[in-house]
Amino acid sequence: GEAVVPVANCDVKEYNSNPKEQLPFKEYVKYWQEYIRNGYRSSRGCLYLKDWHLSRAFPEQDVYTTPVYFSSDWLNEYWDAVAVDDYRFVYMGPKG
């Protein structure tokens, strides 16, 4: 909950991009709960958690596994080989 995450405001454009701010993850979850309760509206706009490197921030945690259908994808193989980033095809469902 205390992890700081990058959040983009999808309702605002700056230089053909969305401005980002840093929020504690628990604040972002609270925002989304209120956003849903309010019919997907907020005075803060539509905030999107974008480019959070979860596995890099918490390498000791087993936070996801690559689905078997994507495991031999050349991009995953490349990123595994160079070991400089954590981009992968991700499955966030139950393990098993």
Protein backbone atom coordinates (compact mmCIF):
# COMPACT_ATOMS: atom_id res chain seq x y z
CA GLY A 1 0.00 0.00 0.00
CA GLU A 2 2.86 2.40 0.64
CA ALA A 3 4.55 1.76 -2.72
CA VAL A 4 4.66 4.91 -4.85
CA VAL A 5 3.22 4.39 -8.34
CA PRO A 6 3.15 6.49 -11.55
CA VAL A 7 -0.36 7.65 -12.42
CA ALA A 8 -1.35 9.38 -15.67
CA ASN A 9 -4.35 11.69 -15.97
CA CYS A 10 -6.11 10.51 -19.15
CA ASP A 11 -8.34 13.61 -19.25
CA VAL A 12 -5.43 16.03 -19.70
CA LYS A 13 -3.03 16.38 -22.63
CA GLU A 14 0.42 17.96 -22.34
CA TYR A 15 2.68 17.85 -25.41
CA ASN A 16 0.56 15.08 -26.93
CA SER A 17 0.89 13.01 -23.75
CA ASN A 18 -0.83 12.63 -20.40
CA PRO A 19 0.80 14.25 -17.35
CA LYS A 20 1.87 11.89 -14.59
CA GLU A 21 2.00 12.19 -10.85
CA GLN A 22 3.31 9.89 -8.16
CA LEU A 23 0.79 8.48 -5.66
CA PRO A 24 0.94 5.89 -2.90
CA PHE A 25 -0.71 2.73 -4.27
CA LYS A 26 -3.30 2.69 -1.47
CA GLU A 27 -4.39 6.23 -2.46
CA TYR A 28 -4.75 5.10 -6.08
CA VAL A 29 -6.91 2.13 -5.00
CA LYS A 30 -9.08 4.47 -2.91
CA TYR A 31 -9.43 6.77 -5.94
CA TRP A 32 -10.63 3.86 -8.13
CA GLN A 33 -13.13 2.68 -5.51
CA GLU A 34 -14.62 6.19 -5.39
CA TYR A 35 -14.42 6.53 -9.19
CA ILE A 36 -16.48 3.35 -9.66
CA ARG A 37 -18.99 4.32 -6.93
CA ASN A 38 -19.47 7.70 -8.66
CA GLY A 39 -20.41 6.17 -12.00
CA TYR A 40 -16.87 6.36 -13.43
CA ARG A 41 -16.58 10.10 -12.81
CA SER A 42 -14.21 12.10 -10.65
CA SER A 43 -13.21 15.73 -10.25
CA ARG A 44 -9.62 14.41 -10.49
CA GLY A 45 -10.26 13.01 -13.98
CA CYS A 46 -9.61 9.49 -15.19
CA LEU A 47 -6.38 8.36 -13.53
CA TYR A 48 -4.49 5.42 -15.00
CA LEU A 49 -1.69 3.52 -13.27
CA LYS A 50 0.87 3.46 -16.10
CA ASP A 51 4.35 1.97 -16.37
CA TRP A 52 4.66 0.71 -12.79
CA HIS A 53 7.60 -1.68 -12.69
CA LEU A 54 6.12 -3.92 -10.00
CA SER A 55 8.51 -6.84 -10.43
CA ARG A 56 11.51 -4.51 -10.41
CA ALA A 57 10.28 -2.74 -7.27
CA PHE A 58 9.60 -6.03 -5.45
CA PRO A 59 11.98 -8.65 -6.93
CA GLU A 60 11.55 -10.95 -3.94
CA GLN A 61 7.82 -11.32 -4.66
CA ASP A 62 6.47 -13.80 -7.20
CA VAL A 63 3.84 -11.38 -8.52
CA TYR A 64 3.01 -12.97 -11.86
CA THR A 65 3.75 -15.73 -14.31
CA THR A 66 3.88 -15.60 -18.10
CA PRO A 67 1.03 -17.60 -19.67
CA VAL A 68 2.20 -20.71 -21.51
CA TYR A 69 0.76 -19.25 -24.74
CA PHE A 70 3.20 -16.31 -24.55
CA SER A 71 6.18 -17.97 -22.88
CA SER A 72 8.07 -18.53 -26.13
CA ASP A 73 7.33 -15.04 -27.42
CA TRP A 74 10.51 -13.50 -28.84
CA LEU A 75 10.04 -10.32 -26.82
CA ASN A 76 9.89 -12.22 -23.53
CA GLU A 77 12.94 -14.26 -24.56
CA TYR A 78 14.81 -11.07 -25.48
CA TRP A 79 14.05 -9.33 -22.18
CA ASP A 80 14.99 -12.47 -20.24
CA ALA A 81 18.30 -12.67 -22.12
CA VAL A 82 19.36 -9.05 -21.65
CA ALA A 83 18.04 -8.83 -18.06
CA VAL A 84 17.91 -5.03 -18.12
CA ASP A 85 14.17 -4.50 -17.84
CA ASP A 86 11.03 -6.18 -16.57
CA TYR A 87 8.64 -5.83 -19.52
CA ARG A 88 6.79 -9.09 -20.15
CA PHE A 89 3.46 -10.42 -21.32
CA VAL A 90 1.68 -10.70 -18.00
CA TYR A 91 -1.05 -12.93 -16.59
CA MET A 92 -2.43 -11.49 -13.35
CA GLY A 93 -5.00 -14.23 -12.64
CA PRO A 94 -4.83 -17.04 -10.09
CA LYS A 95 -1.76 -19.22 -10.16
CA GLY A 96 -2.06 -22.86 -10.84
